[in-house]
Amino acid sequence: MRLQKGEEEHARSKIPPPLIYLAGLIISYLLSFIYHVALLPRLLSLVLGVVLFICGFALSASGASAFRVNNTSLNTTIPVTKIVSSGPFRMSRNPMYLGLAIIYLGIAFLINDLLVLLFLVPVLVIMNWDIIPREEQYLEAKFGEEYLAYKHNVRRWF
């Protein structure tokens, strides 16, 4: 199935995906002032938070770098020029979203709050059942068998 003339040339995401993660963080952080439940002892939480944040940032950055090397846009409202299957895209179809989830985990541990951690669940539900399927539908329509083969060989998350 290829895009037909007049069809939108992007994934039709209503909200930029990074803002979904940010909204979850902001809402849960504000609520944590009312319902704070510590996750771990402070030092352990800080160390784990820093490690997760750095790992998530590195994964997201390497995904963004693969997009730049392949001359395609990170902006979900701009047409994709090709399927990127190099770098972290060899192991995950969504390494930047996975990286954002790991960054979110890192921040939850840095804040050391259970509610912030729990808010990652609805963020991932929105990503997994709304944002990513829209993107996959667009990519299937645009690239057909090429994307279906990639999708068959590479997992969505990891």
N, C-alpha and C. Protein backbone atom coordinates (compact mmCIF):
# COMPACT_ATOMS: atom_id res chain seq x y z
N MET A 1 0.84 -1.18 0.00
CA MET A 1 0.00 0.00 0.00
C MET A 1 0.89 1.24 0.00
N ARG A 2 0.77 2.04 -0.99
CA ARG A 2 1.55 3.27 -1.11
C ARG A 2 0.66 4.47 -0.82
N LEU A 3 1.29 5.58 -0.43
CA LEU A 3 0.54 6.81 -0.22
C LEU A 3 -0.12 7.22 -1.53
N GLN A 4 -1.36 7.60 -1.44
CA GLN A 4 -2.09 8.06 -2.62
C GLN A 4 -1.93 9.56 -2.74
N LYS A 5 -2.13 10.05 -3.93
CA LYS A 5 -2.03 11.49 -4.15
C LYS A 5 -3.00 12.21 -3.23
N GLY A 6 -2.53 13.23 -2.53
CA GLY A 6 -3.37 13.99 -1.62
C GLY A 6 -3.30 13.50 -0.18
N GLU A 7 -2.74 12.29 0.06
CA GLU A 7 -2.62 11.83 1.44
C GLU A 7 -1.52 12.61 2.15
N GLU A 8 -1.67 12.73 3.46
CA GLU A 8 -0.69 13.47 4.24
C GLU A 8 0.67 12.77 4.19
N GLU A 9 1.72 13.57 4.07
CA GLU A 9 3.08 13.06 3.97
C GLU A 9 3.79 13.09 5.32
N HIS A 10 3.10 12.68 6.37
CA HIS A 10 3.72 12.57 7.68
C HIS A 10 2.84 11.67 8.54
N ALA A 11 3.27 11.43 9.77
CA ALA A 11 2.63 10.44 10.64
C ALA A 11 1.36 10.93 11.32
N ARG A 12 0.96 12.17 11.16
CA ARG A 12 -0.26 12.72 11.73
C ARG A 12 -0.28 12.67 13.27
N SER A 13 0.86 12.80 13.89
CA SER A 13 0.91 12.87 15.36
C SER A 13 0.36 14.21 15.79
N LYS A 14 -0.59 14.19 16.72
CA LYS A 14 -1.20 15.43 17.18
C LYS A 14 -0.26 16.22 18.09
N ILE A 15 0.55 15.50 18.84
CA ILE A 15 1.47 16.12 19.79
C ILE A 15 2.87 15.59 19.50
N PRO A 16 3.88 16.44 19.45
CA PRO A 16 5.23 15.93 19.25
C PRO A 16 5.58 14.95 20.38
N PRO A 17 6.06 13.76 20.03
CA PRO A 17 6.32 12.72 21.04
C PRO A 17 7.13 13.16 22.25
N PRO A 18 8.20 13.96 22.10
CA PRO A 18 8.93 14.37 23.31
C PRO A 18 8.04 15.13 24.30
N LEU A 19 7.05 15.86 23.79
CA LEU A 19 6.15 16.60 24.69
C LEU A 19 5.26 15.67 25.50
N ILE A 20 4.98 14.49 25.00
CA ILE A 20 4.19 13.52 25.76
C ILE A 20 4.98 13.07 26.99
N TYR A 21 6.26 12.77 26.79
CA TYR A 21 7.12 12.41 27.92
C TYR A 21 7.22 13.59 28.90
N LEU A 22 7.43 14.78 28.37
CA LEU A 22 7.56 15.97 29.21
C LEU A 22 6.28 16.24 29.99
N ALA A 23 5.13 16.09 29.37
CA ALA A 23 3.86 16.32 30.06
C ALA A 23 3.70 15.33 31.22
N GLY A 24 4.03 14.07 30.97
CA GLY A 24 3.96 13.08 32.05
C GLY A 24 4.87 13.44 33.21
N LEU A 25 6.07 13.89 32.88
CA LEU A 25 7.01 14.30 33.94
C LEU A 25 6.51 15.50 34.73
N ILE A 26 6.04 16.50 34.03
CA ILE A 26 5.60 17.73 34.71
C ILE A 26 4.39 17.45 35.60
N ILE A 27 3.39 16.77 35.06
CA ILE A 27 2.18 16.48 35.84
C ILE A 27 2.53 15.65 37.08
N SER A 28 3.31 14.59 36.88
CA SER A 28 3.64 13.71 38.00
C SER A 28 4.54 14.42 39.02
N TYR A 29 5.45 15.26 38.53
CA TYR A 29 6.32 16.00 39.45
C TYR A 29 5.50 16.95 40.33
N LEU A 30 4.55 17.64 39.73
CA LEU A 30 3.70 18.54 40.51
C LEU A 30 2.88 17.76 41.53
N LEU A 31 2.36 16.62 41.12
CA LEU A 31 1.58 15.79 42.05
C LEU A 31 2.46 15.20 43.15
N SER A 32 3.74 15.01 42.87
CA SER A 32 4.64 14.43 43.88
C SER A 32 4.83 15.35 45.08
N PHE A 33 4.52 16.63 44.93
CA PHE A 33 4.58 17.53 46.08
C PHE A 33 3.48 17.20 47.08
N ILE A 34 2.39 16.62 46.58
CA ILE A 34 1.26 16.26 47.44
C ILE A 34 1.39 14.82 47.93
N TYR A 35 1.78 13.92 47.05
CA TYR A 35 1.82 12.48 47.35
C TYR A 35 3.21 11.91 47.17
N HIS A 36 4.18 12.38 47.90
CA HIS A 36 5.56 11.90 47.73
C HIS A 36 5.77 10.56 48.43
N VAL A 37 6.27 9.59 47.63
CA VAL A 37 6.68 8.29 48.18
C VAL A 37 8.06 8.00 47.60
N ALA A 38 9.06 7.96 48.47
CA ALA A 38 10.43 7.72 48.00
C ALA A 38 10.58 6.32 47.43
N LEU A 39 11.39 6.21 46.39
CA LEU A 39 11.65 4.93 45.74
C LEU A 39 12.76 4.15 46.45
N LEU A 40 13.87 4.81 46.70
CA LEU A 40 15.07 4.17 47.22
C LEU A 40 15.76 5.12 48.19
N PRO A 41 16.76 4.61 48.91
CA PRO A 41 17.59 5.53 49.69
C PRO A 41 18.19 6.58 48.75
N ARG A 42 18.33 7.80 49.22
CA ARG A 42 18.68 8.95 48.39
C ARG A 42 19.93 8.75 47.53
N LEU A 43 21.02 8.27 48.11
CA LEU A 43 22.27 8.11 47.35
C LEU A 43 22.10 7.09 46.23
N LEU A 44 21.48 5.96 46.52
CA LEU A 44 21.25 4.94 45.50
C LEU A 44 20.36 5.48 44.39
N SER A 45 19.33 6.21 44.76
CA SER A 45 18.42 6.81 43.80
C SER A 45 19.15 7.81 42.89
N LEU A 46 20.03 8.61 43.47
CA LEU A 46 20.81 9.58 42.68
C LEU A 46 21.73 8.89 41.68
N VAL A 47 22.46 7.88 42.15
CA VAL A 47 23.39 7.17 41.27
C VAL A 47 22.63 6.49 40.14
N LEU A 48 21.57 5.78 40.47
CA LEU A 48 20.77 5.10 39.45
C LEU A 48 20.16 6.11 38.47
N GLY A 49 19.69 7.22 39.00
CA GLY A 49 19.10 8.26 38.16
C GLY A 49 20.10 8.84 37.17
N VAL A 50 21.29 9.13 37.62
CA VAL A 50 22.32 9.69 36.75
C VAL A 50 22.70 8.68 35.66
N VAL A 51 22.90 7.43 36.05
CA VAL A 51 23.28 6.39 35.07
C VAL A 51 22.19 6.22 34.02
N LEU A 52 20.94 6.12 34.45
CA LEU A 52 19.84 5.96 33.51
C LEU A 52 19.70 7.18 32.60
N PHE A 53 19.81 8.37 33.16
CA PHE A 53 19.70 9.59 32.37
C PHE A 53 20.78 9.62 31.28
N ILE A 54 22.00 9.33 31.65
CA ILE A 54 23.11 9.36 30.68
C ILE A 54 22.90 8.30 29.60
N CYS A 55 22.51 7.09 29.99
CA CYS A 55 22.28 6.02 29.01
C CYS A 55 21.14 6.38 28.06
N GLY A 56 20.06 6.91 28.60
CA GLY A 56 18.93 7.31 27.76
C GLY A 56 19.30 8.43 26.80
N PHE A 57 20.06 9.40 27.31
CA PHE A 57 20.50 10.50 26.46
C PHE A 57 21.39 9.99 25.34
N ALA A 58 22.31 9.09 25.67
CA ALA A 58 23.23 8.54 24.65
C ALA A 58 22.45 7.77 23.58
N LEU A 59 21.46 7.00 23.98
CA LEU A 59 20.66 6.25 23.02
C LEU A 59 19.86 7.19 22.12
N SER A 60 19.19 8.17 22.71
CA SER A 60 18.43 9.13 21.91
C SER A 60 19.34 9.92 20.98
N ALA A 61 20.47 10.33 21.47
CA ALA A 61 21.41 11.11 20.65
C ALA A 61 21.95 10.28 19.50
N SER A 62 22.22 9.00 19.74
CA SER A 62 22.74 8.18 18.64
C SER A 62 21.65 7.94 17.60
N GLY A 63 20.39 7.84 18.03
CA GLY A 63 19.29 7.72 17.07
C GLY A 63 19.13 8.99 16.25
N ALA A 64 19.22 10.13 16.91
CA ALA A 64 19.13 11.42 16.21
C ALA A 64 20.28 11.57 15.22
N SER A 65 21.46 11.13 15.63
CA SER A 65 22.62 11.19 14.76
C SER A 65 22.43 10.32 13.52
N ALA A 66 21.86 9.14 13.70
CA ALA A 66 21.58 8.26 12.55
C ALA A 66 20.60 8.92 11.58
N PHE A 67 19.62 9.64 12.11
CA PHE A 67 18.70 10.39 11.24
C PHE A 67 19.45 11.45 10.45
N ARG A 68 20.32 12.21 11.15
CA ARG A 68 21.07 13.27 10.47
C ARG A 68 21.98 12.70 9.38
N VAL A 69 22.68 11.62 9.69
CA VAL A 69 23.58 10.99 8.73
C VAL A 69 22.80 10.54 7.49
N ASN A 70 21.56 10.11 7.69
CA ASN A 70 20.73 9.63 6.58
C ASN A 70 19.86 10.73 5.97
N ASN A 71 20.13 11.97 6.35
CA ASN A 71 19.41 13.13 5.80
C ASN A 71 17.89 13.01 5.89
N THR A 72 17.41 12.60 7.05
CA THR A 72 15.97 12.58 7.26
C THR A 72 15.66 13.36 8.52
N SER A 73 14.44 13.85 8.62
CA SER A 73 14.07 14.79 9.68
C SER A 73 13.60 14.10 10.95
N LEU A 74 13.91 14.71 12.08
CA LEU A 74 13.37 14.26 13.37
C LEU A 74 11.95 14.76 13.57
N ASN A 75 11.56 15.76 12.84
CA ASN A 75 10.25 16.38 12.97
C ASN A 75 9.19 15.47 12.38
N THR A 76 8.20 15.06 13.21
CA THR A 76 7.18 14.12 12.76
C THR A 76 6.15 14.75 11.82
N THR A 77 6.24 16.05 11.57
CA THR A 77 5.31 16.69 10.63
C THR A 77 5.96 16.92 9.26
N ILE A 78 7.19 16.46 9.10
CA ILE A 78 7.91 16.60 7.83
C ILE A 78 8.06 15.21 7.22
N PRO A 79 7.92 15.09 5.89
CA PRO A 79 8.06 13.77 5.26
C PRO A 79 9.40 13.11 5.54
N VAL A 80 9.35 11.81 5.76
CA VAL A 80 10.55 11.00 5.96
C VAL A 80 11.10 10.68 4.57
N THR A 81 12.43 10.74 4.42
CA THR A 81 13.02 10.50 3.11
C THR A 81 13.46 9.05 2.91
N LYS A 82 13.73 8.35 4.00
CA LYS A 82 14.16 6.95 3.87
C LYS A 82 14.00 6.24 5.20
N ILE A 83 14.05 4.92 5.14
CA ILE A 83 14.01 4.09 6.35
C ILE A 83 15.42 4.07 6.92
N VAL A 84 15.58 4.46 8.15
CA VAL A 84 16.89 4.43 8.80
C VAL A 84 16.99 3.09 9.54
N SER A 85 17.99 2.30 9.16
CA SER A 85 18.17 0.99 9.78
C SER A 85 19.60 0.80 10.30
N SER A 86 20.33 1.89 10.41
CA SER A 86 21.70 1.84 10.91
C SER A 86 21.74 2.32 12.35
N GLY A 87 22.90 2.18 12.98
CA GLY A 87 23.06 2.61 14.36
C GLY A 87 22.10 1.87 15.27
N PRO A 88 21.48 2.57 16.21
CA PRO A 88 20.58 1.88 17.15
C PRO A 88 19.30 1.36 16.48
N PHE A 89 19.03 1.82 15.25
CA PHE A 89 17.85 1.35 14.53
C PHE A 89 18.02 -0.09 14.05
N ARG A 90 19.20 -0.66 14.22
CA ARG A 90 19.39 -2.09 13.92
C ARG A 90 18.72 -2.95 14.97
N MET A 91 18.60 -2.42 16.20
CA MET A 91 18.07 -3.21 17.32
C MET A 91 16.68 -2.78 17.77
N SER A 92 16.28 -1.56 17.45
CA SER A 92 14.99 -1.03 17.86
C SER A 92 14.46 -0.11 16.77
N ARG A 93 13.16 -0.24 16.46
CA ARG A 93 12.58 0.68 15.48
C ARG A 93 12.36 2.06 16.09
N ASN A 94 12.43 2.15 17.40
CA ASN A 94 12.16 3.42 18.10
C ASN A 94 13.20 3.72 19.17
N PRO A 95 14.49 3.75 18.81
CA PRO A 95 15.49 3.95 19.86
C PRO A 95 15.41 5.32 20.52
N MET A 96 14.95 6.33 19.79
CA MET A 96 14.85 7.66 20.41
C MET A 96 13.73 7.68 21.45
N TYR A 97 12.62 7.01 21.16
CA TYR A 97 11.53 6.92 22.14
C TYR A 97 11.96 6.06 23.33
N LEU A 98 12.69 4.99 23.06
CA LEU A 98 13.22 4.17 24.14
C LEU A 98 14.19 4.99 24.99
N GLY A 99 15.03 5.78 24.33
CA GLY A 99 15.95 6.66 25.06
C GLY A 99 15.20 7.66 25.92
N LEU A 100 14.12 8.22 25.39
CA LEU A 100 13.31 9.16 26.19
C LEU A 100 12.69 8.46 27.40
N ALA A 101 12.27 7.22 27.22
CA ALA A 101 11.71 6.46 28.35
C ALA A 101 12.79 6.21 29.41
N ILE A 102 14.00 5.92 28.98
CA ILE A 102 15.10 5.70 29.94
C ILE A 102 15.48 7.01 30.62
N ILE A 103 15.48 8.11 29.87
CA ILE A 103 15.71 9.43 30.48
C ILE A 103 14.64 9.70 31.53
N TYR A 104 13.39 9.42 31.19
CA TYR A 104 12.27 9.61 32.12
C TYR A 104 12.52 8.80 33.40
N LEU A 105 12.92 7.52 33.23
CA LEU A 105 13.23 6.69 34.40
C LEU A 105 14.33 7.34 35.24
N GLY A 106 15.37 7.82 34.56
CA GLY A 106 16.46 8.47 35.27
C GLY A 106 15.98 9.66 36.07
N ILE A 107 15.12 10.47 35.48
CA ILE A 107 14.59 11.63 36.20
C ILE A 107 13.72 11.19 37.37
N ALA A 108 12.92 10.13 37.17
CA ALA A 108 12.09 9.62 38.27
C ALA A 108 12.96 9.21 39.46
N PHE A 109 14.10 8.57 39.17
CA PHE A 109 15.00 8.18 40.26
C PHE A 109 15.74 9.39 40.83
N LEU A 110 16.08 10.36 39.99
CA LEU A 110 16.71 11.58 40.51
C LEU A 110 15.76 12.32 41.45
N ILE A 111 14.49 12.38 41.07
CA ILE A 111 13.48 13.00 41.93
C ILE A 111 13.18 12.09 43.12
N ASN A 112 13.40 10.78 42.91
CA ASN A 112 13.18 9.75 43.93
C ASN A 112 11.71 9.72 44.37
N ASP A 113 10.83 9.56 43.36
CA ASP A 113 9.41 9.56 43.69
C ASP A 113 8.68 8.48 42.91
N LEU A 114 7.90 7.68 43.63
CA LEU A 114 7.14 6.59 43.03
C LEU A 114 6.10 7.08 42.04
N LEU A 115 5.41 8.16 42.35
CA LEU A 115 4.37 8.67 41.46
C LEU A 115 4.95 9.09 40.11
N VAL A 116 6.10 9.73 40.13
CA VAL A 116 6.76 10.12 38.88
C VAL A 116 7.08 8.87 38.06
N LEU A 117 7.58 7.83 38.72
CA LEU A 117 7.87 6.58 38.04
C LEU A 117 6.60 5.95 37.46
N LEU A 118 5.53 5.93 38.23
CA LEU A 118 4.28 5.32 37.78
C LEU A 118 3.66 6.05 36.58
N PHE A 119 3.89 7.35 36.48
CA PHE A 119 3.34 8.11 35.36
C PHE A 119 4.00 7.75 34.03
N LEU A 120 5.10 7.02 34.08
CA LEU A 120 5.70 6.55 32.83
C LEU A 120 4.77 5.56 32.13
N VAL A 121 3.97 4.83 32.89
CA VAL A 121 3.06 3.83 32.30
C VAL A 121 2.08 4.48 31.32
N PRO A 122 1.31 5.50 31.71
CA PRO A 122 0.41 6.09 30.72
C PRO A 122 1.15 6.74 29.54
N VAL A 123 2.33 7.26 29.78
CA VAL A 123 3.12 7.83 28.69
C VAL A 123 3.44 6.74 27.67
N LEU A 124 3.88 5.58 28.16
CA LEU A 124 4.22 4.48 27.26
C LEU A 124 2.99 3.89 26.58
N VAL A 125 1.86 3.90 27.27
CA VAL A 125 0.61 3.44 26.65
C VAL A 125 0.26 4.35 25.47
N ILE A 126 0.34 5.65 25.66
CA ILE A 126 0.06 6.60 24.58
C ILE A 126 1.03 6.39 23.42
N MET A 127 2.31 6.23 23.74
CA MET A 127 3.30 6.03 22.69
C MET A 127 3.05 4.74 21.93
N ASN A 128 2.81 3.66 22.67
CA ASN A 128 2.71 2.33 22.07
C ASN A 128 1.41 2.09 21.31
N TRP A 129 0.33 2.71 21.75
CA TRP A 129 -0.97 2.42 21.12
C TRP A 129 -1.55 3.59 20.33
N ASP A 130 -0.85 4.73 20.30
CA ASP A 130 -1.34 5.84 19.49
C ASP A 130 -0.24 6.39 18.58
N ILE A 131 0.81 6.91 19.14
CA ILE A 131 1.85 7.60 18.36
C ILE A 131 2.58 6.64 17.41
N ILE A 132 3.12 5.57 17.96
CA ILE A 132 3.91 4.64 17.13
C ILE A 132 3.06 3.97 16.05
N PRO A 133 1.84 3.50 16.34
CA PRO A 133 1.04 2.92 15.25
C PRO A 133 0.75 3.91 14.11
N ARG A 134 0.55 5.19 14.44
CA ARG A 134 0.36 6.20 13.39
C ARG A 134 1.61 6.30 12.51
N GLU A 135 2.77 6.32 13.16
CA GLU A 135 4.02 6.40 12.42
C GLU A 135 4.22 5.16 11.56
N GLU A 136 3.93 4.00 12.12
CA GLU A 136 4.10 2.75 11.37
C GLU A 136 3.15 2.69 10.17
N GLN A 137 1.93 3.15 10.36
CA GLN A 137 0.97 3.17 9.26
C GLN A 137 1.47 4.07 8.13
N TYR A 138 1.98 5.23 8.50
CA TYR A 138 2.53 6.15 7.50
C TYR A 138 3.72 5.51 6.78
N LEU A 139 4.64 4.90 7.53
CA LEU A 139 5.83 4.31 6.92
C LEU A 139 5.48 3.12 6.02
N GLU A 140 4.49 2.33 6.44
CA GLU A 140 4.03 1.22 5.59
C GLU A 140 3.44 1.75 4.29
N ALA A 141 2.65 2.81 4.39
CA ALA A 141 2.04 3.39 3.19
C ALA A 141 3.10 4.01 2.28
N LYS A 142 4.11 4.62 2.86
CA LYS A 142 5.12 5.30 2.05
C LYS A 142 6.15 4.35 1.46
N PHE A 143 6.61 3.38 2.26
CA PHE A 143 7.73 2.53 1.83
C PHE A 143 7.34 1.08 1.51
N GLY A 144 6.11 0.70 1.81
CA GLY A 144 5.61 -0.63 1.46
C GLY A 144 6.46 -1.77 1.99
N GLU A 145 6.83 -2.67 1.08
CA GLU A 145 7.57 -3.89 1.45
C GLU A 145 8.89 -3.61 2.16
N GLU A 146 9.55 -2.54 1.79
CA GLU A 146 10.82 -2.20 2.43
C GLU A 146 10.62 -2.01 3.93
N TYR A 147 9.58 -1.25 4.31
CA TYR A 147 9.33 -1.03 5.73
C TYR A 147 8.81 -2.30 6.40
N LEU A 148 7.94 -3.05 5.72
CA LEU A 148 7.41 -4.28 6.30
C LEU A 148 8.53 -5.28 6.60
N ALA A 149 9.53 -5.37 5.72
CA ALA A 149 10.68 -6.25 5.97
C ALA A 149 11.47 -5.76 7.19
N TYR A 150 11.69 -4.45 7.26
CA TYR A 150 12.40 -3.88 8.41
C TYR A 150 11.61 -4.15 9.69
N LYS A 151 10.32 -3.93 9.64
CA LYS A 151 9.44 -4.13 10.79
C LYS A 151 9.46 -5.59 11.25
N HIS A 152 9.53 -6.49 10.29
CA HIS A 152 9.57 -7.92 10.61
C HIS A 152 10.88 -8.31 11.31
N ASN A 153 11.98 -7.64 10.95
CA ASN A 153 13.30 -8.02 11.46
C ASN A 153 13.76 -7.26 12.70
N VAL A 154 13.11 -6.13 13.01
CA VAL A 154 13.57 -5.31 14.13
C VAL A 154 12.39 -5.05 15.07
N ARG A 155 12.62 -5.27 16.36
CA ARG A 155 11.58 -5.07 17.35
C ARG A 155 11.21 -3.60 17.49
N ARG A 156 9.98 -3.37 17.98
CA ARG A 156 9.50 -2.00 18.18
C ARG A 156 10.34 -1.27 19.22
N TRP A 157 10.53 -1.86 20.38
CA TRP A 157 11.23 -1.18 21.47
C TRP A 157 12.66 -1.66 21.62
N PHE A 158 12.86 -2.94 21.87
CA PHE A 158 14.22 -3.49 22.05
C PHE A 158 14.20 -4.97 21.92
